[in-house]
């Protein structure tokens, strides 16, 4: 619980910074109409998830038998809210990363379509897991209505964790590789640690890293405390870091590469014109001497 509250506090501070700086880029339609509302929705889902998880933890610590026996509706409502907010946050966070991949790679459809196909399969898998867990808590007395048993849910959760980690890691590598290339092209004098910070903050590496660690723990037959709540925070941190970079105007994308190349062309043209101007007086004097 302490780790959960600490990371949520850091997330809240980062979210406030993103809300403050992101309106500076409202001239870009995607930032105003998609990025900004998505960041707010992610923080709302995380706050709702954390609130219900803490309420359930407090009730369980104070009166565990009362919560299970006399207030089963609270258990069902908490499970429903936690699982649904996790599912919606996962979809929204991955949508932001998919758009980020699409943007940094110059809006190339041959990059977009394979990612969409992979993520569609992952989300269908996730929907089965979430629906099974919600059904288990809301209708526990009807075995005939179960989608999956608890053992199957656990296996499916482990598989989903690794598949989702692979898909998110793939997007992270695509973003990181492209950001590295653009930063190298745009800022040849920029030090390596600035590029490293750009790659880490803009690639959304936090969520796939969390998925890999939690999946490894579950594979070792160990329990991850409040995995959904920690996952929702990890989902929000990556896109919010990207939002801060975008708001500050320090994010790299395909437009940055285009602007850098245009600047190089203008600079080389200017240098060439100055070179010719410096030669003109000498040429004139030479012609007069003749």
C-alpha atoms as a PDB file:
ATOM      1  CA  UNK A   1       0.000   0.000   0.000  1.00  0.00           C
ATOM      2  CA  UNK A   2       2.870   2.371   0.779  1.00  0.00           C
ATOM      3  CA  UNK A   3       4.434   1.845  -2.655  1.00  0.00           C
ATOM      4  CA  UNK A   4       1.054   2.340  -4.271  1.00  0.00           C
ATOM      5  CA  UNK A   5       0.409   5.653  -2.484  1.00  0.00           C
ATOM      6  CA  UNK A   6       3.946   6.927  -3.143  1.00  0.00           C
ATOM      7  CA  UNK A   7       3.806   6.208  -6.865  1.00  0.00           C
ATOM      8  CA  UNK A   8       0.327   7.720  -7.076  1.00  0.00           C
ATOM      9  CA  UNK A   9       1.634  10.888  -5.400  1.00  0.00           C
ATOM     10  CA  UNK A  10       4.434  11.132  -7.958  1.00  0.00           C
ATOM     11  CA  UNK A  11       1.885  10.526 -10.708  1.00  0.00           C
ATOM     12  CA  UNK A  12      -0.337  13.331  -9.348  1.00  0.00           C
ATOM     13  CA  UNK A  13       2.570  15.809  -9.397  1.00  0.00           C
ATOM     14  CA  UNK A  14       3.489  14.781 -12.951  1.00  0.00           C
ATOM     15  CA  UNK A  15      -0.151  15.050 -14.032  1.00  0.00           C
ATOM     16  CA  UNK A  16      -0.372  18.593 -12.652  1.00  0.00           C
ATOM     17  CA  UNK A  17       2.740  19.554 -14.593  1.00  0.00           C
ATOM     18  CA  UNK A  18       1.307  18.040 -17.788  1.00  0.00           C
ATOM     19  CA  UNK A  19      -1.988  19.928 -17.379  1.00  0.00           C
ATOM     20  CA  UNK A  20      -0.018  23.141 -16.911  1.00  0.00           C
ATOM     21  CA  UNK A  21       2.315  22.855 -19.911  1.00  0.00           C
ATOM     22  CA  UNK A  22       0.255  20.910 -22.474  1.00  0.00           C
ATOM     23  CA  UNK A  23      -2.144  23.803 -23.361  1.00  0.00           C
ATOM     24  CA  UNK A  24       0.871  25.573 -24.871  1.00  0.00           C
ATOM     25  CA  UNK A  25       0.540  23.137 -27.793  1.00  0.00           C
ATOM     26  CA  UNK A  26      -3.212  23.521 -28.331  1.00  0.00           C
ATOM     27  CA  UNK A  27      -2.450  24.865 -31.802  1.00  0.00           C
ATOM     28  CA  UNK A  28      -1.837  21.208 -32.707  1.00  0.00           C
ATOM     29  CA  UNK A  29      -5.242  19.564 -33.177  1.00  0.00           C
ATOM     30  CA  UNK A  30      -4.114  16.119 -31.976  1.00  0.00           C
ATOM     31  CA  UNK A  31      -2.836  17.566 -28.700  1.00  0.00           C
ATOM     32  CA  UNK A  32      -6.020  19.536 -27.983  1.00  0.00           C
ATOM     33  CA  UNK A  33      -8.608  16.986 -29.149  1.00  0.00           C
ATOM     34  CA  UNK A  34      -6.931  13.677 -28.240  1.00  0.00           C
ATOM     35  CA  UNK A  35      -3.799  13.919 -26.101  1.00  0.00           C
ATOM     36  CA  UNK A  36      -5.068  16.358 -23.459  1.00  0.00           C
ATOM     37  CA  UNK A  37      -8.447  14.597 -22.796  1.00  0.00           C
ATOM     38  CA  UNK A  38      -6.713  11.213 -22.764  1.00  0.00           C
ATOM     39  CA  UNK A  39      -4.252  12.322 -20.062  1.00  0.00           C
ATOM     40  CA  UNK A  40      -7.171  13.568 -17.920  1.00  0.00           C
ATOM     41  CA  UNK A  41      -9.111  10.330 -18.433  1.00  0.00           C
ATOM     42  CA  UNK A  42      -6.078   8.201 -17.485  1.00  0.00           C
ATOM     43  CA  UNK A  43      -5.620  10.137 -14.245  1.00  0.00           C
ATOM     44  CA  UNK A  44      -9.338   9.852 -13.466  1.00  0.00           C
ATOM     45  CA  UNK A  45      -9.291   6.074 -13.969  1.00  0.00           C
ATOM     46  CA  UNK A  46      -6.182   5.750 -11.801  1.00  0.00           C
ATOM     47  CA  UNK A  47      -7.711   7.877  -9.022  1.00  0.00           C
ATOM     48  CA  UNK A  48     -10.939   5.878  -9.075  1.00  0.00           C
ATOM     49  CA  UNK A  49      -9.045   2.596  -9.048  1.00  0.00           C
ATOM     50  CA  UNK A  50      -6.795   3.660  -6.157  1.00  0.00           C
ATOM     51  CA  UNK A  51      -9.733   5.002  -4.126  1.00  0.00           C
ATOM     52  CA  UNK A  52     -11.752   1.771  -4.351  1.00  0.00           C
ATOM     53  CA  UNK A  53      -8.691  -0.361  -3.713  1.00  0.00           C
ATOM     54  CA  UNK A  54      -7.829   1.598  -0.542  1.00  0.00           C
ATOM     55  CA  UNK A  55     -11.437   1.441   0.679  1.00  0.00           C
ATOM     56  CA  UNK A  56     -11.469  -2.322   0.215  1.00  0.00           C
ATOM     57  CA  UNK A  57      -8.108  -2.663   1.983  1.00  0.00           C
ATOM     58  CA  UNK A  58      -9.326  -0.617   4.964  1.00  0.00           C
ATOM     59  CA  UNK A  59     -12.559  -2.586   5.285  1.00  0.00           C
ATOM     60  CA  UNK A  60     -10.709  -5.867   5.023  1.00  0.00           C
ATOM     61  CA  UNK A  61      -8.204  -4.853   7.717  1.00  0.00           C
ATOM     62  CA  UNK A  62     -10.896  -3.592  10.107  1.00  0.00           C
ATOM     63  CA  UNK A  63     -13.555  -6.264   9.613  1.00  0.00           C
ATOM     64  CA  UNK A  64     -12.695  -8.976   7.071  1.00  0.00           C
ATOM     65  CA  UNK A  65     -15.619 -11.266   7.941  1.00  0.00           C
ATOM     66  CA  UNK A  66     -18.089  -8.384   7.764  1.00  0.00           C
ATOM     67  CA  UNK A  67     -16.887  -7.411   4.308  1.00  0.00           C
ATOM     68  CA  UNK A  68     -17.121 -10.924   2.897  1.00  0.00           C
ATOM     69  CA  UNK A  69     -20.277 -12.199   4.634  1.00  0.00           C
ATOM     70  CA  UNK A  70     -22.482  -9.152   5.159  1.00  0.00           C
ATOM     71  CA  UNK A  71     -21.332  -6.808   2.393  1.00  0.00           C
ATOM     72  CA  UNK A  72     -20.697  -8.947  -0.666  1.00  0.00           C
ATOM     73  CA  UNK A  73     -22.013  -6.131  -2.844  1.00  0.00           C
ATOM     74  CA  UNK A  74     -19.029  -4.031  -1.805  1.00  0.00           C
ATOM     75  CA  UNK A  75     -16.627  -6.774  -2.878  1.00  0.00           C
ATOM     76  CA  UNK A  76     -18.434  -7.089  -6.220  1.00  0.00           C
ATOM     77  CA  UNK A  77     -18.541  -3.311  -6.787  1.00  0.00           C
ATOM     78  CA  UNK A  78     -14.868  -2.897  -5.900  1.00  0.00           C
ATOM     79  CA  UNK A  79     -13.813  -5.752  -8.186  1.00  0.00           C
ATOM     80  CA  UNK A  80     -15.947  -4.340 -11.000  1.00  0.00           C
ATOM     81  CA  UNK A  81     -14.523  -0.814 -10.682  1.00  0.00           C
ATOM     82  CA  UNK A  82     -10.918  -1.997 -10.362  1.00  0.00           C
ATOM     83  CA  UNK A  83     -11.076  -4.379 -13.330  1.00  0.00           C
ATOM     84  CA  UNK A  84     -13.015  -2.024 -15.612  1.00  0.00           C
ATOM     85  CA  UNK A  85     -10.770   0.967 -14.893  1.00  0.00           C
ATOM     86  CA  UNK A  86      -7.736  -1.257 -15.515  1.00  0.00           C
ATOM     87  CA  UNK A  87      -9.182  -2.372 -18.844  1.00  0.00           C
ATOM     88  CA  UNK A  88     -10.105   1.166 -19.970  1.00  0.00           C
ATOM     89  CA  UNK A  89      -6.742   2.573 -18.861  1.00  0.00           C
ATOM     90  CA  UNK A  90      -4.898  -0.162 -20.722  1.00  0.00           C
ATOM     91  CA  UNK A  91      -6.805   0.551 -23.935  1.00  0.00           C
ATOM     92  CA  UNK A  92      -6.366   4.322 -23.627  1.00  0.00           C
ATOM     93  CA  UNK A  93      -2.679   4.136 -22.686  1.00  0.00           C
ATOM     94  CA  UNK A  94      -1.923   1.783 -25.572  1.00  0.00           C
ATOM     95  CA  UNK A  95      -3.877   4.021 -27.943  1.00  0.00           C
ATOM     96  CA  UNK A  96      -1.632   6.939 -26.987  1.00  0.00           C
ATOM     97  CA  UNK A  97       1.483   4.814 -27.550  1.00  0.00           C
ATOM     98  CA  UNK A  98       0.145   3.582 -30.906  1.00  0.00           C
ATOM     99  CA  UNK A  99      -0.409   7.166 -31.993  1.00  0.00           C
ATOM    100  CA  UNK A 100       3.069   8.034 -30.722  1.00  0.00           C
ATOM    101  CA  UNK A 101       4.567   5.255 -32.864  1.00  0.00           C
ATOM    102  CA  UNK A 102       2.531   6.477 -35.825  1.00  0.00           C
ATOM    103  CA  UNK A 103       3.657  10.102 -35.306  1.00  0.00           C
ATOM    104  CA  UNK A 104       7.387   9.555 -34.791  1.00  0.00           C
ATOM    105  CA  UNK A 105       7.547   7.254 -37.821  1.00  0.00           C
ATOM    106  CA  UNK A 106       6.078   9.903 -40.103  1.00  0.00           C
ATOM    107  CA  UNK A 107       2.498   8.546 -40.165  1.00  0.00           C
ATOM    108  CA  UNK A 108       3.484   5.464 -42.118  1.00  0.00           C
ATOM    109  CA  UNK A 109       0.642   2.979 -42.446  1.00  0.00           C
ATOM    110  CA  UNK A 110       2.995   0.038 -42.970  1.00  0.00           C
ATOM    111  CA  UNK A 111       4.199   0.666 -39.389  1.00  0.00           C
ATOM    112  CA  UNK A 112       0.699   1.296 -38.005  1.00  0.00           C
ATOM    113  CA  UNK A 113      -1.220  -1.726 -39.337  1.00  0.00           C
ATOM    114  CA  UNK A 114       0.958  -4.522 -37.844  1.00  0.00           C
ATOM    115  CA  UNK A 115       0.860  -2.775 -34.438  1.00  0.00           C
ATOM    116  CA  UNK A 116      -2.932  -2.452 -34.640  1.00  0.00           C
ATOM    117  CA  UNK A 117      -3.279  -6.128 -35.523  1.00  0.00           C
ATOM    118  CA  UNK A 118      -1.107  -7.248 -32.594  1.00  0.00           C
ATOM    119  CA  UNK A 119      -2.825  -4.944 -30.108  1.00  0.00           C
ATOM    120  CA  UNK A 120      -6.291  -6.034 -31.253  1.00  0.00           C
ATOM    121  CA  UNK A 121      -5.442  -9.647 -30.433  1.00  0.00           C
ATOM    122  CA  UNK A 122      -4.016  -8.618 -27.047  1.00  0.00           C
ATOM    123  CA  UNK A 123      -7.137  -6.617 -26.149  1.00  0.00           C
ATOM    124  CA  UNK A 124      -9.480  -9.445 -27.071  1.00  0.00           C
ATOM    125  CA  UNK A 125      -7.461 -11.687 -24.764  1.00  0.00           C
ATOM    126  CA  UNK A 126      -7.612  -9.060 -22.024  1.00  0.00           C
ATOM    127  CA  UNK A 127     -11.370  -8.654 -22.423  1.00  0.00           C
ATOM    128  CA  UNK A 128     -11.870 -12.372 -21.774  1.00  0.00           C
ATOM    129  CA  UNK A 129      -9.774 -12.185 -18.590  1.00  0.00           C
ATOM    130  CA  UNK A 130     -11.517  -9.041 -17.272  1.00  0.00           C
ATOM    131  CA  UNK A 131     -14.984 -10.396 -18.070  1.00  0.00           C
ATOM    132  CA  UNK A 132     -14.142 -13.652 -16.294  1.00  0.00           C
ATOM    133  CA  UNK A 133     -12.909 -11.903 -13.147  1.00  0.00           C
ATOM    134  CA  UNK A 134     -15.900  -9.548 -13.010  1.00  0.00           C
ATOM    135  CA  UNK A 135     -18.288 -12.440 -13.570  1.00  0.00           C
ATOM    136  CA  UNK A 136     -16.617 -14.447 -10.808  1.00  0.00           C
ATOM    137  CA  UNK A 137     -17.136 -11.661  -8.265  1.00  0.00           C
ATOM    138  CA  UNK A 138     -20.586 -10.484  -9.329  1.00  0.00           C
ATOM    139  CA  UNK A 139     -22.211 -13.908  -9.914  1.00  0.00           C
ATOM    140  CA  UNK A 140     -20.172 -16.323  -7.758  1.00  0.00           C
ATOM    141  CA  UNK A 141     -23.071 -18.675  -6.959  1.00  0.00           C
ATOM    142  CA  UNK A 142     -23.774 -19.742 -10.543  1.00  0.00           C
ATOM    143  CA  UNK A 143     -21.051 -22.037 -11.819  1.00  0.00           C
ATOM    144  CA  UNK A 144     -22.894 -22.544 -15.092  1.00  0.00           C
ATOM    145  CA  UNK A 145     -22.411 -18.863 -15.973  1.00  0.00           C
ATOM    146  CA  UNK A 146     -18.643 -18.847 -15.417  1.00  0.00           C
ATOM    147  CA  UNK A 147     -16.511 -17.979 -18.393  1.00  0.00           C
ATOM    148  CA  UNK A 148     -13.308 -19.386 -16.886  1.00  0.00           C
ATOM    149  CA  UNK A 149     -12.430 -21.118 -13.631  1.00  0.00           C
ATOM    150  CA  UNK A 150     -10.056 -19.476 -11.144  1.00  0.00           C
ATOM    151  CA  UNK A 151      -7.158 -21.680 -12.263  1.00  0.00           C
ATOM    152  CA  UNK A 152      -7.840 -20.826 -15.876  1.00  0.00           C
ATOM    153  CA  UNK A 153      -8.123 -17.123 -14.989  1.00  0.00           C
ATOM    154  CA  UNK A 154      -4.715 -17.273 -13.336  1.00  0.00           C
ATOM    155  CA  UNK A 155      -3.142 -18.977 -16.351  1.00  0.00           C
ATOM    156  CA  UNK A 156      -4.832 -16.565 -18.752  1.00  0.00           C
ATOM    157  CA  UNK A 157      -3.636 -13.622 -16.634  1.00  0.00           C
ATOM    158  CA  UNK A 158      -0.045 -14.852 -16.781  1.00  0.00           C
ATOM    159  CA  UNK A 159      -0.246 -15.345 -20.551  1.00  0.00           C
ATOM    160  CA  UNK A 160      -1.899 -11.964 -21.019  1.00  0.00           C
ATOM    161  CA  UNK A 161       0.797 -10.286 -18.918  1.00  0.00           C
ATOM    162  CA  UNK A 162       3.623 -11.620 -21.069  1.00  0.00           C
ATOM    163  CA  UNK A 163       1.800 -11.029 -24.389  1.00  0.00           C
ATOM    164  CA  UNK A 164       0.851  -7.512 -23.339  1.00  0.00           C
ATOM    165  CA  UNK A 165       4.416  -6.874 -22.163  1.00  0.00           C
ATOM    166  CA  UNK A 166       5.751  -8.047 -25.542  1.00  0.00           C
ATOM    167  CA  UNK A 167       3.338  -5.803 -27.469  1.00  0.00           C
ATOM    168  CA  UNK A 168       4.098  -2.753 -25.320  1.00  0.00           C
ATOM    169  CA  UNK A 169       7.828  -3.459 -25.437  1.00  0.00           C
ATOM    170  CA  UNK A 170       7.632  -3.625 -29.220  1.00  0.00           C
ATOM    171  CA  UNK A 171       5.983  -0.193 -29.334  1.00  0.00           C
ATOM    172  CA  UNK A 172       8.529   1.136 -26.843  1.00  0.00           C
ATOM    173  CA  UNK A 173      11.440  -0.095 -28.979  1.00  0.00           C
ATOM    174  CA  UNK A 174       9.905   1.415 -32.113  1.00  0.00           C
ATOM    175  CA  UNK A 175       9.488   4.778 -30.382  1.00  0.00           C
ATOM    176  CA  UNK A 176      12.902   4.652 -28.679  1.00  0.00           C
ATOM    177  CA  UNK A 177      14.749   3.734 -31.865  1.00  0.00           C
ATOM    178  CA  UNK A 178      13.066   6.452 -33.875  1.00  0.00           C
ATOM    179  CA  UNK A 179      13.529   9.093 -31.143  1.00  0.00           C
ATOM    180  CA  UNK A 180      17.225   8.184 -30.959  1.00  0.00           C
ATOM    181  CA  UNK A 181      17.596   8.579 -34.708  1.00  0.00           C
ATOM    182  CA  UNK A 182      15.698  11.910 -34.817  1.00  0.00           C
ATOM    183  CA  UNK A 183      17.570  13.301 -31.807  1.00  0.00           C
ATOM    184  CA  UNK A 184      20.877  12.295 -33.413  1.00  0.00           C
ATOM    185  CA  UNK A 185      19.892  13.983 -36.668  1.00  0.00           C
ATOM    186  CA  UNK A 186      18.387  17.116 -35.129  1.00  0.00           C
ATOM    187  CA  UNK A 187      20.923  17.752 -32.384  1.00  0.00           C
ATOM    188  CA  UNK A 188      24.391  16.628 -33.375  1.00  0.00           C
ATOM    189  CA  UNK A 189      25.913  18.704 -30.576  1.00  0.00           C
ATOM    190  CA  UNK A 190      23.522  17.382 -27.945  1.00  0.00           C
ATOM    191  CA  UNK A 191      25.178  15.298 -25.264  1.00  0.00           C
ATOM    192  CA  UNK A 192      24.398  11.621 -24.988  1.00  0.00           C
ATOM    193  CA  UNK A 193      22.642  11.876 -21.608  1.00  0.00           C
ATOM    194  CA  UNK A 194      20.086  14.335 -23.041  1.00  0.00           C
ATOM    195  CA  UNK A 195      19.286  11.816 -25.755  1.00  0.00           C
ATOM    196  CA  UNK A 196      19.005   9.067 -23.137  1.00  0.00           C
ATOM    197  CA  UNK A 197      16.523  11.141 -21.113  1.00  0.00           C
ATOM    198  CA  UNK A 198      14.502  11.809 -24.269  1.00  0.00           C
ATOM    199  CA  UNK A 199      14.403   8.120 -25.160  1.00  0.00           C
ATOM    200  CA  UNK A 200      13.334   7.038 -21.644  1.00  0.00           C
ATOM    201  CA  UNK A 201      10.671   9.705 -21.166  1.00  0.00           C
ATOM    202  CA  UNK A 202       9.181   9.535 -24.661  1.00  0.00           C
ATOM    203  CA  UNK A 203       9.158   5.781 -25.265  1.00  0.00           C
ATOM    204  CA  UNK A 204       6.636   4.793 -22.551  1.00  0.00           C
ATOM    205  CA  UNK A 205       8.997   2.210 -21.087  1.00  0.00           C
ATOM    206  CA  UNK A 206       7.458   2.262 -17.577  1.00  0.00           C
ATOM    207  CA  UNK A 207       4.413   0.107 -18.336  1.00  0.00           C
ATOM    208  CA  UNK A 208       6.159  -2.721 -20.256  1.00  0.00           C
ATOM    209  CA  UNK A 209       8.798  -2.772 -17.518  1.00  0.00           C
ATOM    210  CA  UNK A 210       6.072  -3.149 -14.885  1.00  0.00           C
ATOM    211  CA  UNK A 211       4.357  -5.876 -16.918  1.00  0.00           C
ATOM    212  CA  UNK A 212       7.593  -7.808 -17.262  1.00  0.00           C
ATOM    213  CA  UNK A 213       8.360  -7.624 -13.526  1.00  0.00           C
ATOM    214  CA  UNK A 214       4.828  -8.503 -12.384  1.00  0.00           C
ATOM    215  CA  UNK A 215       4.586 -11.325 -14.931  1.00  0.00           C
ATOM    216  CA  UNK A 216       7.868 -12.788 -13.696  1.00  0.00           C
ATOM    217  CA  UNK A 217       6.647 -12.617 -10.101  1.00  0.00           C
ATOM    218  CA  UNK A 218       3.392 -14.364 -10.983  1.00  0.00           C
ATOM    219  CA  UNK A 219       5.247 -17.017 -12.981  1.00  0.00           C
ATOM    220  CA  UNK A 220       7.279 -17.744  -9.842  1.00  0.00           C
ATOM    221  CA  UNK A 221       4.004 -18.536  -8.010  1.00  0.00           C
ATOM    222  CA  UNK A 222       4.223 -15.358  -5.943  1.00  0.00           C
ATOM    223  CA  UNK A 223       1.477 -12.809  -5.373  1.00  0.00           C
ATOM    224  CA  UNK A 224       1.659  -9.197  -6.548  1.00  0.00           C
ATOM    225  CA  UNK A 225      -0.221  -6.963  -4.056  1.00  0.00           C
ATOM    226  CA  UNK A 226      -2.877  -4.820  -5.795  1.00  0.00           C
ATOM    227  CA  UNK A 227      -1.589  -5.576  -9.311  1.00  0.00           C
ATOM    228  CA  UNK A 228      -4.426  -3.741 -11.060  1.00  0.00           C
ATOM    229  CA  UNK A 229      -3.891  -0.517  -9.097  1.00  0.00           C
ATOM    230  CA  UNK A 230      -0.141  -0.524  -9.655  1.00  0.00           C
ATOM    231  CA  UNK A 231      -0.739  -1.342 -13.312  1.00  0.00           C
ATOM    232  CA  UNK A 232      -3.123   1.605 -13.767  1.00  0.00           C
ATOM    233  CA  UNK A 233      -0.516   3.975 -12.300  1.00  0.00           C
ATOM    234  CA  UNK A 234       2.191   2.526 -14.569  1.00  0.00           C
ATOM    235  CA  UNK A 235      -0.125   2.939 -17.572  1.00  0.00           C
ATOM    236  CA  UNK A 236      -0.660   6.612 -16.794  1.00  0.00           C
ATOM    237  CA  UNK A 237       2.947   7.540 -16.021  1.00  0.00           C
ATOM    238  CA  UNK A 238       4.310   6.809 -19.507  1.00  0.00           C
ATOM    239  CA  UNK A 239       1.808   8.897 -21.537  1.00  0.00           C
ATOM    240  CA  UNK A 240       1.928  11.689 -18.935  1.00  0.00           C
ATOM    241  CA  UNK A 241       5.720  11.899 -19.258  1.00  0.00           C
ATOM    242  CA  UNK A 242       5.270  12.165 -23.020  1.00  0.00           C
ATOM    243  CA  UNK A 243       2.659  14.904 -22.456  1.00  0.00           C
ATOM    244  CA  UNK A 244       5.123  16.916 -20.360  1.00  0.00           C
ATOM    245  CA  UNK A 245       7.774  16.645 -23.090  1.00  0.00           C
ATOM    246  CA  UNK A 246       5.236  17.675 -25.737  1.00  0.00           C
ATOM    247  CA  UNK A 247       4.026  20.620 -23.658  1.00  0.00           C
ATOM    248  CA  UNK A 248       7.574  21.823 -23.048  1.00  0.00           C
ATOM    249  CA  UNK A 249       8.281  21.604 -26.771  1.00  0.00           C
ATOM    250  CA  UNK A 250      11.167  19.174 -26.290  1.00  0.00           C
ATOM    251  CA  UNK A 251       9.541  16.043 -27.726  1.00  0.00           C
ATOM    252  CA  UNK A 252      10.977  14.536 -30.891  1.00  0.00           C
ATOM    253  CA  UNK A 253       8.727  13.539 -33.772  1.00  0.00           C
ATOM    254  CA  UNK A 254       8.769  13.378 -37.555  1.00  0.00           C
ATOM    255  CA  UNK A 255       8.042  17.112 -37.738  1.00  0.00           C
ATOM    256  CA  UNK A 256      11.245  17.742 -35.779  1.00  0.00           C
ATOM    257  CA  UNK A 257      13.213  15.781 -38.371  1.00  0.00           C
ATOM    258  CA  UNK A 258      11.557  17.701 -41.212  1.00  0.00           C
ATOM    259  CA  UNK A 259      12.274  21.050 -39.509  1.00  0.00           C
ATOM    260  CA  UNK A 260      15.902  20.066 -38.900  1.00  0.00           C
ATOM    261  CA  UNK A 261      16.432  19.115 -42.531  1.00  0.00           C
ATOM    262  CA  UNK A 262      14.789  22.349 -43.709  1.00  0.00           C
ATOM    263  CA  UNK A 263      17.045  24.287 -41.350  1.00  0.00           C
ATOM    264  CA  UNK A 264      20.114  22.485 -42.691  1.00  0.00           C
ATOM    265  CA  UNK A 265      19.091  23.330 -46.264  1.00  0.00           C
ATOM    266  CA  UNK A 266      18.524  26.982 -45.358  1.00  0.00           C
ATOM    267  CA  UNK A 267      21.834  27.136 -43.494  1.00  0.00           C
ATOM    268  CA  UNK A 268      23.789  25.596 -46.332  1.00  0.00           C
ATOM    269  CA  UNK A 269      22.119  27.953 -48.845  1.00  0.00           C
ATOM    270  CA  UNK A 270      22.946  30.946 -46.665  1.00  0.00           C
ATOM    271  CA  UNK A 271      26.582  29.879 -46.276  1.00  0.00           C
ATOM    272  CA  UNK A 272      26.895  29.347 -50.005  1.00  0.00           C
ATOM    273  CA  UNK A 273      25.423  32.788 -50.785  1.00  0.00           C
ATOM    274  CA  UNK A 274      27.784  34.463 -48.323  1.00  0.00           C
ATOM    275  CA  UNK A 275      30.696  32.595 -49.871  1.00  0.00           C
ATOM    276  CA  UNK A 276      29.799  33.931 -53.317  1.00  0.00           C
ATOM    277  CA  UNK A 277      29.393  37.444 -51.936  1.00  0.00           C
ATOM    278  CA  UNK A 278      32.864  37.288 -50.393  1.00  0.00           C
ATOM    279  CA  UNK A 279      34.320  36.225 -53.716  1.00  0.00           C
ATOM    280  CA  UNK A 280      32.625  38.904 -55.803  1.00  0.00           C
ATOM    281  CA  UNK A 281      34.920  41.832 -54.768  1.00  0.00           C
ATOM    282  CA  UNK A 282      38.046  39.801 -55.533  1.00  0.00           C
ATOM    283  CA  UNK A 283      36.671  38.773 -58.890  1.00  0.00           C
ATOM    284  CA  UNK A 284      35.808  42.390 -59.673  1.00  0.00           C
ATOM    285  CA  UNK A 285      39.286  43.611 -58.789  1.00  0.00           C
ATOM    286  CA  UNK A 286      40.839  40.840 -60.890  1.00  0.00           C
ATOM    287  CA  UNK A 287      38.720  41.770 -63.890  1.00  0.00           C
ATOM    288  CA  UNK A 288      39.632  45.463 -63.492  1.00  0.00           C
ATOM    289  CA  UNK A 289      43.333  44.597 -63.298  1.00  0.00           C
ATOM    290  CA  UNK A 290      43.038  42.857 -66.597  1.00  0.00           C
END
